[in-house]
Amino acid sequence: MTMQDLCERFNVSPRTIHDWVQRDIMPHPFGGRGPGAYYGQVHVEAIEAWLDHRHHFVSGKDAVAFCAENGITLREYHLLRERAVRDFGIGVA
């Protein structure tokens, strides 16, 4: 999908997408920068995980810091949080 498709799907601006890429919230687009760039399921899942973290009262800064400290992706962090909440009724960080 294109940048425009991604923006419309999540109701965000291109600047927000660029910011998320720069902050390692989502991976860089496939095909490089510019008009050849495209986004796939991995980008959609990263955005969904990010939005879910924000919804569940985890600061984005804390989530990104936890991922960096533990060498995991935001998607993996999201799965850890889901499992902890489901199994123990608690959050990860």
PDB file of N, CA and C in Angstrom:
ATOM      1  N   MET A   1       0.844  -1.174   0.000  1.00  0.00           N
ATOM      2  CA  MET A   1       0.000   0.000   0.000  1.00  0.00           C
ATOM      3  C   MET A   1       0.886   1.233   0.000  1.00  0.00           C
ATOM      4  N   THR A   2       0.340   2.319  -0.422  1.00  0.00           N
ATOM      5  CA  THR A   2       1.084   3.565  -0.512  1.00  0.00           C
ATOM      6  C   THR A   2       1.010   4.318   0.821  1.00  0.00           C
ATOM      7  N   MET A   3       1.797   5.356   0.923  1.00  0.00           N
ATOM      8  CA  MET A   3       1.744   6.234   2.100  1.00  0.00           C
ATOM      9  C   MET A   3       0.328   6.770   2.266  1.00  0.00           C
ATOM     10  N   GLN A   4      -0.275   7.185   1.159  1.00  0.00           N
ATOM     11  CA  GLN A   4      -1.638   7.729   1.213  1.00  0.00           C
ATOM     12  C   GLN A   4      -2.617   6.691   1.750  1.00  0.00           C
ATOM     13  N   ASP A   5      -2.498   5.437   1.306  1.00  0.00           N
ATOM     14  CA  ASP A   5      -3.364   4.364   1.797  1.00  0.00           C
ATOM     15  C   ASP A   5      -3.213   4.198   3.307  1.00  0.00           C
ATOM     16  N   LEU A   6      -1.965   4.207   3.765  1.00  0.00           N
ATOM     17  CA  LEU A   6      -1.682   4.037   5.188  1.00  0.00           C
ATOM     18  C   LEU A   6      -2.254   5.208   5.995  1.00  0.00           C
ATOM     19  N   CYS A   7      -2.076   6.399   5.487  1.00  0.00           N
ATOM     20  CA  CYS A   7      -2.602   7.590   6.166  1.00  0.00           C
ATOM     21  C   CYS A   7      -4.119   7.534   6.274  1.00  0.00           C
ATOM     22  N   GLU A   8      -4.771   7.151   5.209  1.00  0.00           N
ATOM     23  CA  GLU A   8      -6.232   7.070   5.212  1.00  0.00           C
ATOM     24  C   GLU A   8      -6.720   5.964   6.154  1.00  0.00           C
ATOM     25  N   ARG A   9      -6.031   4.842   6.148  1.00  0.00           N
ATOM     26  CA  ARG A   9      -6.438   3.712   6.992  1.00  0.00           C
ATOM     27  C   ARG A   9      -6.402   4.076   8.482  1.00  0.00           C
ATOM     28  N   PHE A  10      -5.387   4.846   8.890  1.00  0.00           N
ATOM     29  CA  PHE A  10      -5.221   5.167  10.303  1.00  0.00           C
ATOM     30  C   PHE A  10      -5.544   6.627  10.635  1.00  0.00           C
ATOM     31  N   ASN A  11      -6.008   7.366   9.647  1.00  0.00           N
ATOM     32  CA  ASN A  11      -6.399   8.757   9.836  1.00  0.00           C
ATOM     33  C   ASN A  11      -5.263   9.580  10.461  1.00  0.00           C
ATOM     34  N   VAL A  12      -4.084   9.465   9.854  1.00  0.00           N
ATOM     35  CA  VAL A  12      -2.908  10.222  10.290  1.00  0.00           C
ATOM     36  C   VAL A  12      -2.289  10.921   9.082  1.00  0.00           C
ATOM     37  N   SER A  13      -1.392  11.838   9.364  1.00  0.00           N
ATOM     38  CA  SER A  13      -0.733  12.570   8.290  1.00  0.00           C
ATOM     39  C   SER A  13       0.545  11.842   7.850  1.00  0.00           C
ATOM     40  N   PRO A  14       1.044  12.148   6.667  1.00  0.00           N
ATOM     41  CA  PRO A  14       2.331  11.596   6.245  1.00  0.00           C
ATOM     42  C   PRO A  14       3.446  11.942   7.234  1.00  0.00           C
ATOM     43  N   ARG A  15       3.379  13.124   7.822  1.00  0.00           N
ATOM     44  CA  ARG A  15       4.393  13.524   8.805  1.00  0.00           C
ATOM     45  C   ARG A  15       4.392  12.573   9.999  1.00  0.00           C
ATOM     46  N   THR A  16       3.214  12.132  10.422  1.00  0.00           N
ATOM     47  CA  THR A  16       3.120  11.186  11.536  1.00  0.00           C
ATOM     48  C   THR A  16       3.774   9.864  11.165  1.00  0.00           C
ATOM     49  N   ILE A  17       3.530   9.394   9.949  1.00  0.00           N
ATOM     50  CA  ILE A  17       4.151   8.144   9.490  1.00  0.00           C
ATOM     51  C   ILE A  17       5.670   8.297   9.497  1.00  0.00           C
ATOM     52  N   HIS A  18       6.169   9.397   8.958  1.00  0.00           N
ATOM     53  CA  HIS A  18       7.619   9.638   8.946  1.00  0.00           C
ATOM     54  C   HIS A  18       8.180   9.670  10.370  1.00  0.00           C
ATOM     55  N   ASP A  19       7.452  10.302  11.266  1.00  0.00           N
ATOM     56  CA  ASP A  19       7.882  10.381  12.664  1.00  0.00           C
ATOM     57  C   ASP A  19       7.960   8.988  13.281  1.00  0.00           C
ATOM     58  N   TRP A  20       6.965   8.150  13.023  1.00  0.00           N
ATOM     59  CA  TRP A  20       6.965   6.791  13.568  1.00  0.00           C
ATOM     60  C   TRP A  20       8.134   5.980  13.027  1.00  0.00           C
ATOM     61  N   VAL A  21       8.478   6.182  11.775  1.00  0.00           N
ATOM     62  CA  VAL A  21       9.631   5.480  11.199  1.00  0.00           C
ATOM     63  C   VAL A  21      10.911   5.962  11.870  1.00  0.00           C
ATOM     64  N   GLN A  22      11.054   7.266  12.026  1.00  0.00           N
ATOM     65  CA  GLN A  22      12.264   7.823  12.644  1.00  0.00           C
ATOM     66  C   GLN A  22      12.417   7.369  14.085  1.00  0.00           C
ATOM     67  N   ARG A  23      11.321   7.174  14.791  1.00  0.00           N
ATOM     68  CA  ARG A  23      11.360   6.783  16.197  1.00  0.00           C
ATOM     69  C   ARG A  23      11.366   5.261  16.373  1.00  0.00           C
ATOM     70  N   ASP A  24      11.489   4.521  15.271  1.00  0.00           N
ATOM     71  CA  ASP A  24      11.516   3.050  15.296  1.00  0.00           C
ATOM     72  C   ASP A  24      10.233   2.436  15.833  1.00  0.00           C
ATOM     73  N   ILE A  25       9.138   3.133  15.668  1.00  0.00           N
ATOM     74  CA  ILE A  25       7.844   2.575  16.029  1.00  0.00           C
ATOM     75  C   ILE A  25       7.389   1.622  14.937  1.00  0.00           C
ATOM     76  N   MET A  26       7.793   1.918  13.729  1.00  0.00           N
ATOM     77  CA  MET A  26       7.506   1.034  12.604  1.00  0.00           C
ATOM     78  C   MET A  26       8.738   0.979  11.706  1.00  0.00           C
ATOM     79  N   PRO A  27       8.872  -0.097  10.929  1.00  0.00           N
ATOM     80  CA  PRO A  27      10.046  -0.210  10.061  1.00  0.00           C
ATOM     81  C   PRO A  27       9.996   0.771   8.885  1.00  0.00           C
ATOM     82  N   HIS A  28      11.139   0.961   8.273  1.00  0.00           N
ATOM     83  CA  HIS A  28      11.206   1.778   7.065  1.00  0.00           C
ATOM     84  C   HIS A  28      10.361   1.123   5.975  1.00  0.00           C
ATOM     85  N   PRO A  29       9.850   1.909   5.050  1.00  0.00           N
ATOM     86  CA  PRO A  29       9.043   1.331   3.972  1.00  0.00           C
ATOM     87  C   PRO A  29       9.886   0.454   3.050  1.00  0.00           C
ATOM     88  N   PHE A  30       9.218  -0.438   2.386  1.00  0.00           N
ATOM     89  CA  PHE A  30       9.866  -1.247   1.357  1.00  0.00           C
ATOM     90  C   PHE A  30      10.121  -0.360   0.147  1.00  0.00           C
ATOM     91  N   GLY A  31      11.137  -0.648  -0.612  1.00  0.00           N
ATOM     92  CA  GLY A  31      11.399   0.085  -1.848  1.00  0.00           C
ATOM     93  C   GLY A  31      12.087   1.415  -1.673  1.00  0.00           C
ATOM     94  N   GLY A  32      12.550   1.723  -0.459  1.00  0.00           N
ATOM     95  CA  GLY A  32      13.264   2.969  -0.244  1.00  0.00           C
ATOM     96  C   GLY A  32      12.341   4.146   0.002  1.00  0.00           C
ATOM     97  N   ARG A  33      12.901   5.328  -0.112  1.00  0.00           N
ATOM     98  CA  ARG A  33      12.156   6.554   0.132  1.00  0.00           C
ATOM     99  C   ARG A  33      11.534   7.070  -1.160  1.00  0.00           C
ATOM    100  N   GLY A  34      10.567   7.936  -1.000  1.00  0.00           N
ATOM    101  CA  GLY A  34       9.978   8.599  -2.157  1.00  0.00           C
ATOM    102  C   GLY A  34       8.844   7.819  -2.786  1.00  0.00           C
ATOM    103  N   PRO A  35       8.606   8.084  -4.071  1.00  0.00           N
ATOM    104  CA  PRO A  35       7.445   7.494  -4.741  1.00  0.00           C
ATOM    105  C   PRO A  35       7.497   5.973  -4.865  1.00  0.00           C
ATOM    106  N   GLY A  36       8.671   5.378  -4.746  1.00  0.00           N
ATOM    107  CA  GLY A  36       8.777   3.919  -4.834  1.00  0.00           C
ATOM    108  C   GLY A  36       8.508   3.207  -3.521  1.00  0.00           C
ATOM    109  N   ALA A  37       8.318   3.977  -2.447  1.00  0.00           N
ATOM    110  CA  ALA A  37       8.096   3.383  -1.126  1.00  0.00           C
ATOM    111  C   ALA A  37       6.706   2.753  -1.053  1.00  0.00           C
ATOM    112  N   TYR A  38       6.657   1.610  -0.389  1.00  0.00           N
ATOM    113  CA  TYR A  38       5.360   0.985  -0.144  1.00  0.00           C
ATOM    114  C   TYR A  38       5.378   0.283   1.203  1.00  0.00           C
ATOM    115  N   TYR A  39       4.196   0.035   1.720  1.00  0.00           N
ATOM    116  CA  TYR A  39       4.019  -0.478   3.073  1.00  0.00           C
ATOM    117  C   TYR A  39       3.209  -1.760   3.026  1.00  0.00           C
ATOM    118  N   GLY A  40       3.505  -2.658   3.947  1.00  0.00           N
ATOM    119  CA  GLY A  40       2.826  -3.947   3.983  1.00  0.00           C
ATOM    120  C   GLY A  40       2.232  -4.252   5.350  1.00  0.00           C
ATOM    121  N   GLN A  41       1.928  -5.522   5.553  1.00  0.00           N
ATOM    122  CA  GLN A  41       1.289  -5.965   6.790  1.00  0.00           C
ATOM    123  C   GLN A  41       2.148  -5.666   8.021  1.00  0.00           C
ATOM    124  N   VAL A  42       3.466  -5.773   7.891  1.00  0.00           N
ATOM    125  CA  VAL A  42       4.340  -5.494   9.029  1.00  0.00           C
ATOM    126  C   VAL A  42       4.182  -4.047   9.498  1.00  0.00           C
ATOM    127  N   HIS A  43       3.951  -3.135   8.585  1.00  0.00           N
ATOM    128  CA  HIS A  43       3.751  -1.730   8.939  1.00  0.00           C
ATOM    129  C   HIS A  43       2.387  -1.536   9.605  1.00  0.00           C
ATOM    130  N   VAL A  44       1.386  -2.183   9.063  1.00  0.00           N
ATOM    131  CA  VAL A  44       0.040  -2.111   9.647  1.00  0.00           C
ATOM    132  C   VAL A  44       0.068  -2.640  11.076  1.00  0.00           C
ATOM    133  N   GLU A  45       0.719  -3.787  11.289  1.00  0.00           N
ATOM    134  CA  GLU A  45       0.781  -4.382  12.629  1.00  0.00           C
ATOM    135  C   GLU A  45       1.553  -3.496  13.593  1.00  0.00           C
ATOM    136  N   ALA A  46       2.610  -2.862  13.135  1.00  0.00           N
ATOM    137  CA  ALA A  46       3.382  -1.964  14.002  1.00  0.00           C
ATOM    138  C   ALA A  46       2.528  -0.775  14.429  1.00  0.00           C
ATOM    139  N   ILE A  47       1.765  -0.208  13.503  1.00  0.00           N
ATOM    140  CA  ILE A  47       0.900   0.925  13.847  1.00  0.00           C
ATOM    141  C   ILE A  47      -0.201   0.481  14.792  1.00  0.00           C
ATOM    142  N   GLU A  48      -0.806  -0.668  14.518  1.00  0.00           N
ATOM    143  CA  GLU A  48      -1.856  -1.172  15.401  1.00  0.00           C
ATOM    144  C   GLU A  48      -1.320  -1.401  16.810  1.00  0.00           C
ATOM    145  N   ALA A  49      -0.114  -1.963  16.923  1.00  0.00           N
ATOM    146  CA  ALA A  49       0.495  -2.197  18.235  1.00  0.00           C
ATOM    147  C   ALA A  49       0.736  -0.866  18.941  1.00  0.00           C
ATOM    148  N   TRP A  50       1.252   0.109  18.208  1.00  0.00           N
ATOM    149  CA  TRP A  50       1.522   1.427  18.787  1.00  0.00           C
ATOM    150  C   TRP A  50       0.234   2.070  19.295  1.00  0.00           C
ATOM    151  N   LEU A  51      -0.800   2.044  18.484  1.00  0.00           N
ATOM    152  CA  LEU A  51      -2.069   2.646  18.884  1.00  0.00           C
ATOM    153  C   LEU A  51      -2.677   1.909  20.065  1.00  0.00           C
ATOM    154  N   ASP A  52      -2.511   0.589  20.094  1.00  0.00           N
ATOM    155  CA  ASP A  52      -3.021  -0.199  21.212  1.00  0.00           C
ATOM    156  C   ASP A  52      -2.299   0.168  22.509  1.00  0.00           C
ATOM    157  N   HIS A  53      -0.981   0.357  22.441  1.00  0.00           N
ATOM    158  CA  HIS A  53      -0.226   0.752  23.631  1.00  0.00           C
ATOM    159  C   HIS A  53      -0.725   2.085  24.156  1.00  0.00           C
ATOM    160  N   ARG A  54      -0.922   3.006  23.254  1.00  0.00           N
ATOM    161  CA  ARG A  54      -1.405   4.324  23.671  1.00  0.00           C
ATOM    162  C   ARG A  54      -2.781   4.212  24.296  1.00  0.00           C
ATOM    163  N   HIS A  55      -3.605   3.332  23.756  1.00  0.00           N
ATOM    164  CA  HIS A  55      -4.961   3.142  24.265  1.00  0.00           C
ATOM    165  C   HIS A  55      -4.954   2.528  25.663  1.00  0.00           C
ATOM    166  N   HIS A  56      -3.990   1.689  25.944  1.00  0.00           N
ATOM    167  CA  HIS A  56      -3.927   0.996  27.236  1.00  0.00           C
ATOM    168  C   HIS A  56      -3.051   1.726  28.250  1.00  0.00           C
ATOM    169  N   PHE A  57      -2.905   3.022  28.094  1.00  0.00           N
ATOM    170  CA  PHE A  57      -2.250   3.881  29.069  1.00  0.00           C
ATOM    171  C   PHE A  57      -0.765   3.601  29.260  1.00  0.00           C
ATOM    172  N   VAL A  58      -0.113   3.038  28.278  1.00  0.00           N
ATOM    173  CA  VAL A  58       1.339   2.883  28.309  1.00  0.00           C
ATOM    174  C   VAL A  58       1.896   4.013  27.469  1.00  0.00           C
ATOM    175  N   SER A  59       2.779   4.789  28.043  1.00  0.00           N
ATOM    176  CA  SER A  59       3.308   5.899  27.249  1.00  0.00           C
ATOM    177  C   SER A  59       4.126   5.331  26.096  1.00  0.00           C
ATOM    178  N   GLY A  60       4.029   5.977  24.977  1.00  0.00           N
ATOM    179  CA  GLY A  60       4.786   5.546  23.808  1.00  0.00           C
ATOM    180  C   GLY A  60       6.273   5.557  24.078  1.00  0.00           C
ATOM    181  N   LYS A  61       6.718   6.561  24.808  1.00  0.00           N
ATOM    182  CA  LYS A  61       8.136   6.670  25.138  1.00  0.00           C
ATOM    183  C   LYS A  61       8.582   5.468  25.970  1.00  0.00           C
ATOM    184  N   ASP A  62       7.763   5.062  26.935  1.00  0.00           N
ATOM    185  CA  ASP A  62       8.099   3.904  27.770  1.00  0.00           C
ATOM    186  C   ASP A  62       8.111   2.612  26.961  1.00  0.00           C
ATOM    187  N   ALA A  63       7.156   2.471  26.053  1.00  0.00           N
ATOM    188  CA  ALA A  63       7.091   1.264  25.231  1.00  0.00           C
ATOM    189  C   ALA A  63       8.314   1.157  24.328  1.00  0.00           C
ATOM    190  N   VAL A  64       8.698   2.256  23.693  1.00  0.00           N
ATOM    191  CA  VAL A  64       9.859   2.254  22.810  1.00  0.00           C
ATOM    192  C   VAL A  64      11.132   1.986  23.617  1.00  0.00           C
ATOM    193  N   ALA A  65      11.242   2.588  24.811  1.00  0.00           N
ATOM    194  CA  ALA A  65      12.412   2.365  25.663  1.00  0.00           C
ATOM    195  C   ALA A  65      12.499   0.902  26.090  1.00  0.00           C
ATOM    196  N   PHE A  66      11.375   0.310  26.462  1.00  0.00           N
ATOM    197  CA  PHE A  66      11.358  -1.097  26.860  1.00  0.00           C
ATOM    198  C   PHE A  66      11.830  -1.980  25.706  1.00  0.00           C
ATOM    199  N   CYS A  67      11.352  -1.691  24.503  1.00  0.00           N
ATOM    200  CA  CYS A  67      11.742  -2.475  23.328  1.00  0.00           C
ATOM    201  C   CYS A  67      13.245  -2.347  23.066  1.00  0.00           C
ATOM    202  N   ALA A  68      13.758  -1.138  23.148  1.00  0.00           N
ATOM    203  CA  ALA A  68      15.188  -0.921  22.903  1.00  0.00           C
ATOM    204  C   ALA A  68      16.035  -1.642  23.947  1.00  0.00           C
ATOM    205  N   GLU A  69      15.630  -1.573  25.200  1.00  0.00           N
ATOM    206  CA  GLU A  69      16.374  -2.217  26.286  1.00  0.00           C
ATOM    207  C   GLU A  69      16.363  -3.735  26.170  1.00  0.00           C
ATOM    208  N   ASN A  70      15.282  -4.282  25.627  1.00  0.00           N
ATOM    209  CA  ASN A  70      15.114  -5.727  25.576  1.00  0.00           C
ATOM    210  C   ASN A  70      15.327  -6.331  24.194  1.00  0.00           C
ATOM    211  N   GLY A  71      15.681  -5.491  23.225  1.00  0.00           N
ATOM    212  CA  GLY A  71      15.961  -5.981  21.881  1.00  0.00           C
ATOM    213  C   GLY A  71      14.775  -6.644  21.204  1.00  0.00           C
ATOM    214  N   ILE A  72      13.585  -6.090  21.409  1.00  0.00           N
ATOM    215  CA  ILE A  72      12.384  -6.647  20.785  1.00  0.00           C
ATOM    216  C   ILE A  72      11.686  -5.565  19.977  1.00  0.00           C
ATOM    217  N   THR A  73      10.793  -5.996  19.092  1.00  0.00           N
ATOM    218  CA  THR A  73      10.010  -5.051  18.300  1.00  0.00           C
ATOM    219  C   THR A  73       8.781  -4.621  19.090  1.00  0.00           C
ATOM    220  N   LEU A  74       8.163  -3.553  18.648  1.00  0.00           N
ATOM    221  CA  LEU A  74       6.941  -3.095  19.292  1.00  0.00           C
ATOM    222  C   LEU A  74       5.848  -4.153  19.175  1.00  0.00           C
ATOM    223  N   ARG A  75       5.828  -4.866  18.064  1.00  0.00           N
ATOM    224  CA  ARG A  75       4.834  -5.936  17.902  1.00  0.00           C
ATOM    225  C   ARG A  75       5.067  -7.032  18.939  1.00  0.00           C
ATOM    226  N   GLU A  76       6.318  -7.412  19.164  1.00  0.00           N
ATOM    227  CA  GLU A  76       6.624  -8.431  20.178  1.00  0.00           C
ATOM    228  C   GLU A  76       6.232  -7.933  21.573  1.00  0.00           C
ATOM    229  N   TYR A  77       6.472  -6.654  21.829  1.00  0.00           N
ATOM    230  CA  TYR A  77       6.084  -6.056  23.101  1.00  0.00           C
ATOM    231  C   TYR A  77       4.570  -6.134  23.285  1.00  0.00           C
ATOM    232  N   HIS A  78       3.857  -5.812  22.235  1.00  0.00           N
ATOM    233  CA  HIS A  78       2.399  -5.878  22.270  1.00  0.00           C
ATOM    234  C   HIS A  78       1.934  -7.294  22.622  1.00  0.00           C
ATOM    235  N   LEU A  79       2.546  -8.283  22.011  1.00  0.00           N
ATOM    236  CA  LEU A  79       2.174  -9.673  22.304  1.00  0.00           C
ATOM    237  C   LEU A  79       2.497 -10.040  23.749  1.00  0.00           C
ATOM    238  N   LEU A  80       3.635  -9.581  24.261  1.00  0.00           N
ATOM    239  CA  LEU A  80       3.983  -9.825  25.664  1.00  0.00           C
ATOM    240  C   LEU A  80       2.955  -9.208  26.599  1.00  0.00           C
ATOM    241  N   ARG A  81       2.552  -7.984  26.294  1.00  0.00           N
ATOM    242  CA  ARG A  81       1.544  -7.312  27.133  1.00  0.00           C
ATOM    243  C   ARG A  81       0.219  -8.045  27.090  1.00  0.00           C
ATOM    244  N   GLU A  82      -0.201  -8.467  25.913  1.00  0.00           N
ATOM    245  CA  GLU A  82      -1.467  -9.204  25.801  1.00  0.00           C
ATOM    246  C   GLU A  82      -1.426 -10.480  26.632  1.00  0.00           C
ATOM    247  N   ARG A  83      -0.316 -11.205  26.518  1.00  0.00           N
ATOM    248  CA  ARG A  83      -0.162 -12.459  27.256  1.00  0.00           C
ATOM    249  C   ARG A  83      -0.159 -12.206  28.768  1.00  0.00           C
ATOM    250  N   ALA A  84       0.552 -11.162  29.218  1.00  0.00           N
ATOM    251  CA  ALA A  84       0.620 -10.860  30.652  1.00  0.00           C
ATOM    252  C   ALA A  84      -0.749 -10.466  31.182  1.00  0.00           C
ATOM    253  N   VAL A  85      -1.469  -9.669  30.448  1.00  0.00           N
ATOM    254  CA  VAL A  85      -2.798  -9.275  30.881  1.00  0.00           C
ATOM    255  C   VAL A  85      -3.725 -10.489  30.927  1.00  0.00           C
ATOM    256  N   ARG A  86      -3.676 -11.307  29.896  1.00  0.00           N
ATOM    257  CA  ARG A  86      -4.532 -12.488  29.817  1.00  0.00           C
ATOM    258  C   ARG A  86      -4.208 -13.481  30.930  1.00  0.00           C
ATOM    259  N   ASP A  87      -2.919 -13.783  31.121  1.00  0.00           N
ATOM    260  CA  ASP A  87      -2.519 -14.827  32.059  1.00  0.00           C
ATOM    261  C   ASP A  87      -2.460 -14.372  33.512  1.00  0.00           C
ATOM    262  N   PHE A  88      -2.083 -13.102  33.716  1.00  0.00           N
ATOM    263  CA  PHE A  88      -1.843 -12.658  35.078  1.00  0.00           C
ATOM    264  C   PHE A  88      -2.617 -11.405  35.469  1.00  0.00           C
ATOM    265  N   GLY A  89      -3.284 -10.796  34.521  1.00  0.00           N
ATOM    266  CA  GLY A  89      -4.014  -9.576  34.788  1.00  0.00           C
ATOM    267  C   GLY A  89      -3.121  -8.381  35.038  1.00  0.00           C
ATOM    268  N   ILE A  90      -1.879  -8.433  34.505  1.00  0.00           N
ATOM    269  CA  ILE A  90      -0.935  -7.334  34.726  1.00  0.00           C
ATOM    270  C   ILE A  90      -0.323  -6.906  33.409  1.00  0.00           C
ATOM    271  N   GLY A  91       0.323  -5.770  33.419  1.00  0.00           N
ATOM    272  CA  GLY A  91       1.063  -5.282  32.259  1.00  0.00           C
ATOM    273  C   GLY A  91       2.525  -5.661  32.357  1.00  0.00           C
ATOM    274  N   VAL A  92       3.249  -5.442  31.275  1.00  0.00           N
ATOM    275  CA  VAL A  92       4.671  -5.777  31.227  1.00  0.00           C
ATOM    276  C   VAL A  92       5.500  -4.643  31.799  1.00  0.00           C
ATOM    277  N   ALA A  93       5.205  -3.445  31.372  1.00  0.00           N
ATOM    278  CA  ALA A  93       5.998  -2.296  31.848  1.00  0.00           C
ATOM    279  C   ALA A  93       5.081  -1.180  32.277  1.00  0.00           C
TER     280      ALA A  93
END
